[in-house]
Amino acid sequence: MTGKSANAQEGDDTMEEAHRFRVEAWWASGRTGIAKSSSAPNVIHFTSPPAFGGLDGRWTPEDLLLGAIASCYTTTFGTLAEYSKLDFTDLQVSVEAVVSKGETGYNFAQVSIHANLIIPREEEQARALKLLHKAKGLCLVARALAIEPAFEPTVKVAASVAVRPS
């Protein structure tokens, strides 16, 4: 977290009421581009899925969305387990999606979260399962999929830059 709210006291873990996150993406060429987050120093090279003419070996927007769900679920569960004092040895989360063609183009037809949790004590199984379900309900990214994003397009016209001969 980059800052505290105005009413948070020193040593207080109270979260701010609102947080801003920003990612910018630039077209590179063909069906490729780069994206940069305001919270991370490295860019991500992305492409359209190979099935749609993109390059092999790069992240696709679909991969990035599923990665956002998987990482959000993982960190949400980790936080819940910590607050609930549930010990676990490992958590592996995989997210799969089916994209199919519909009347208005391609759509995500199904998204599945698979959470495989390993705990050290059998008597904690019911509580662990309850926390796994709770994490699904609290995963911010998965809940965001139901929100229609605001859209603010801009088109600018730039004069061509003449190249001077050397």
Protein backbone atom coordinates (compact mmCIF):
# COMPACT_ATOMS: atom_id res chain seq x y z
CA MET A 1 0.00 0.00 0.00
CA THR A 2 1.36 3.36 -0.90
CA GLY A 3 -0.32 5.52 1.70
CA LYS A 4 -2.61 5.72 4.69
CA SER A 5 -5.89 7.52 5.08
CA ALA A 6 -5.94 10.85 6.82
CA ASN A 7 -7.56 9.34 9.93
CA ALA A 8 -5.20 6.37 10.30
CA GLN A 9 -2.93 6.51 13.35
CA GLU A 10 0.73 5.47 13.40
CA GLY A 11 0.86 1.65 13.55
CA ASP A 12 -2.82 1.41 12.60
CA ASP A 13 -3.57 -1.13 9.85
CA THR A 14 -6.86 0.54 8.88
CA MET A 15 -7.27 0.52 5.12
CA GLU A 16 -8.15 3.64 3.18
CA GLU A 17 -11.69 3.99 1.87
CA ALA A 18 -10.59 4.16 -1.77
CA HIS A 19 -7.50 3.12 -3.70
CA ARG A 20 -6.48 3.94 -7.27
CA PHE A 21 -4.73 1.55 -9.61
CA ARG A 22 -3.59 2.30 -13.13
CA VAL A 23 -2.34 0.24 -16.04
CA GLU A 24 -1.43 1.74 -19.40
CA ALA A 25 -1.10 -0.25 -22.60
CA TRP A 26 0.51 0.75 -25.89
CA TRP A 27 0.19 -0.81 -29.30
CA ALA A 28 3.60 -1.95 -30.56
CA SER A 29 2.93 -3.48 -33.98
CA GLY A 30 0.67 -6.03 -35.59
CA ARG A 31 -1.29 -7.62 -32.77
CA THR A 32 1.18 -6.91 -29.99
CA GLY A 33 1.69 -4.31 -27.33
CA ILE A 34 3.15 -3.54 -23.94
CA ALA A 35 1.47 -2.72 -20.65
CA LYS A 36 2.82 -1.04 -17.54
CA SER A 37 1.34 -0.80 -14.07
CA SER A 38 1.72 2.19 -11.77
CA SER A 39 2.74 -0.26 -9.01
CA ALA A 40 5.37 -2.35 -10.82
CA PRO A 41 8.60 -1.35 -12.61
CA ASN A 42 8.50 -3.91 -15.44
CA VAL A 43 6.38 -3.87 -18.57
CA ILE A 44 4.48 -6.89 -19.82
CA HIS A 45 4.58 -7.73 -23.51
CA PHE A 46 1.20 -9.00 -24.67
CA THR A 47 -0.39 -10.20 -27.86
CA SER A 48 -3.68 -11.43 -29.22
CA PRO A 49 -4.15 -15.16 -28.62
CA PRO A 50 -2.37 -17.23 -31.30
CA ALA A 51 -5.83 -18.50 -32.36
CA PHE A 52 -6.62 -14.90 -33.34
CA GLY A 53 -3.34 -14.16 -35.12
CA GLY A 54 -1.16 -13.28 -32.12
CA LEU A 55 2.36 -14.46 -31.32
CA ASP A 56 3.28 -17.56 -29.34
CA GLY A 57 5.09 -17.11 -26.04
CA ARG A 58 3.49 -13.86 -24.85
CA TRP A 59 0.73 -13.11 -22.39
CA THR A 60 -2.70 -12.49 -23.91
CA PRO A 61 -5.44 -10.29 -22.45
CA GLU A 62 -7.27 -13.51 -21.58
CA ASP A 63 -4.19 -14.81 -19.70
CA LEU A 64 -3.87 -11.51 -17.85
CA LEU A 65 -7.52 -11.63 -16.77
CA LEU A 66 -7.23 -15.20 -15.52
CA GLY A 67 -3.93 -14.32 -13.81
CA ALA A 68 -5.65 -11.40 -12.08
CA ILE A 69 -8.40 -13.71 -10.80
CA ALA A 70 -5.93 -16.40 -9.66
CA SER A 71 -3.61 -13.96 -7.89
CA CYS A 72 -6.50 -12.04 -6.30
CA TYR A 73 -8.07 -15.26 -5.02
CA THR A 74 -4.71 -16.47 -3.67
CA THR A 75 -3.95 -13.24 -1.80
CA THR A 76 -7.54 -12.96 -0.53
CA PHE A 77 -7.41 -16.49 0.89
CA GLY A 78 -3.97 -15.85 2.41
CA THR A 79 -5.30 -12.78 4.20
CA LEU A 80 -8.39 -14.63 5.46
CA ALA A 81 -6.26 -17.56 6.67
CA GLU A 82 -3.93 -15.18 8.50
CA TYR A 83 -6.79 -13.33 10.23
CA SER A 84 -8.49 -16.65 11.07
CA LYS A 85 -5.22 -18.18 12.25
CA LEU A 86 -5.62 -21.14 9.88
CA ASP A 87 -2.32 -22.85 9.18
CA PHE A 88 -1.82 -24.16 5.67
CA THR A 89 1.19 -25.61 3.94
CA ASP A 90 0.33 -24.86 0.33
CA LEU A 91 -2.31 -23.31 -1.89
CA GLN A 92 -2.34 -23.76 -5.64
CA VAL A 93 -4.96 -21.87 -7.59
CA SER A 94 -5.64 -22.38 -11.26
CA VAL A 95 -8.24 -20.50 -13.25
CA GLU A 96 -9.60 -21.79 -16.52
CA ALA A 97 -11.94 -20.15 -18.99
CA VAL A 98 -13.90 -21.10 -22.05
CA VAL A 99 -14.23 -18.45 -24.74
CA SER A 100 -16.82 -19.12 -27.40
CA LYS A 101 -18.33 -17.25 -30.31
CA GLY A 102 -21.78 -15.79 -29.72
CA GLU A 103 -24.13 -13.49 -31.60
CA THR A 104 -22.15 -10.36 -30.66
CA GLY A 105 -18.66 -11.86 -31.01
CA TYR A 106 -16.47 -13.87 -28.68
CA ASN A 107 -17.43 -14.03 -25.00
CA PHE A 108 -16.24 -15.72 -21.85
CA ALA A 109 -18.75 -18.55 -21.56
CA GLN A 110 -17.32 -19.98 -18.35
CA VAL A 111 -14.64 -19.16 -15.76
CA SER A 112 -13.65 -21.79 -13.19
CA ILE A 113 -11.45 -21.29 -10.12
CA HIS A 114 -9.74 -24.44 -8.83
CA ALA A 115 -8.25 -24.02 -5.37
CA ASN A 116 -6.13 -26.87 -3.98
CA LEU A 117 -5.30 -26.29 -0.34
CA ILE A 118 -3.02 -28.41 1.85
CA ILE A 119 -3.42 -28.12 5.61
CA PRO A 120 -1.45 -29.87 8.37
CA ARG A 121 -4.41 -30.94 10.57
CA GLU A 122 -7.43 -32.99 9.50
CA GLU A 123 -9.68 -31.42 12.15
CA GLU A 124 -9.36 -28.06 10.32
CA GLN A 125 -10.86 -29.34 7.03
CA ALA A 126 -14.35 -27.88 7.51
CA ARG A 127 -13.00 -24.49 8.57
CA ALA A 128 -10.52 -24.47 5.67
CA LEU A 129 -13.29 -25.25 3.17
CA LYS A 130 -15.41 -22.45 4.65
CA LEU A 131 -12.52 -19.98 4.19
CA LEU A 132 -11.97 -21.15 0.60
CA HIS A 133 -15.62 -20.34 -0.17
CA LYS A 134 -15.42 -17.03 1.68
CA ALA A 135 -12.35 -16.05 -0.37
CA LYS A 136 -14.31 -16.65 -3.58
CA GLY A 137 -17.00 -14.23 -2.42
CA LEU A 138 -14.44 -11.61 -1.39
CA CYS A 139 -12.12 -11.83 -4.42
CA LEU A 140 -12.24 -8.27 -5.72
CA VAL A 141 -11.21 -9.10 -9.29
CA ALA A 142 -13.76 -11.89 -9.72
CA ARG A 143 -16.50 -9.58 -8.40
CA ALA A 144 -15.38 -6.85 -10.83
CA LEU A 145 -16.27 -9.01 -13.83
CA ALA A 146 -19.94 -8.08 -13.37
CA ILE A 147 -19.24 -4.35 -13.63
CA GLU A 148 -19.71 -2.55 -16.93
CA PRO A 149 -16.59 -0.38 -17.29
CA ALA A 150 -16.93 3.34 -17.90
CA PHE A 151 -15.64 4.17 -21.36
CA GLU A 152 -14.11 7.53 -22.28
CA PRO A 153 -12.67 7.41 -25.81
CA THR A 154 -10.56 10.22 -27.29
CA VAL A 155 -9.36 10.66 -30.86
CA LYS A 156 -6.60 13.16 -31.68
CA VAL A 157 -5.23 14.20 -35.03
CA ALA A 158 -1.51 14.77 -35.25
CA ALA A 159 0.18 16.44 -38.17
CA SER A 160 2.72 14.26 -39.94
CA VAL A 161 6.28 14.91 -39.03
CA ALA A 162 8.43 15.48 -42.08
CA VAL A 163 11.76 13.69 -42.02
CA ARG A 164 14.60 15.97 -42.96
CA PRO A 165 17.24 14.56 -45.26
CA SER A 166 20.69 14.31 -43.65
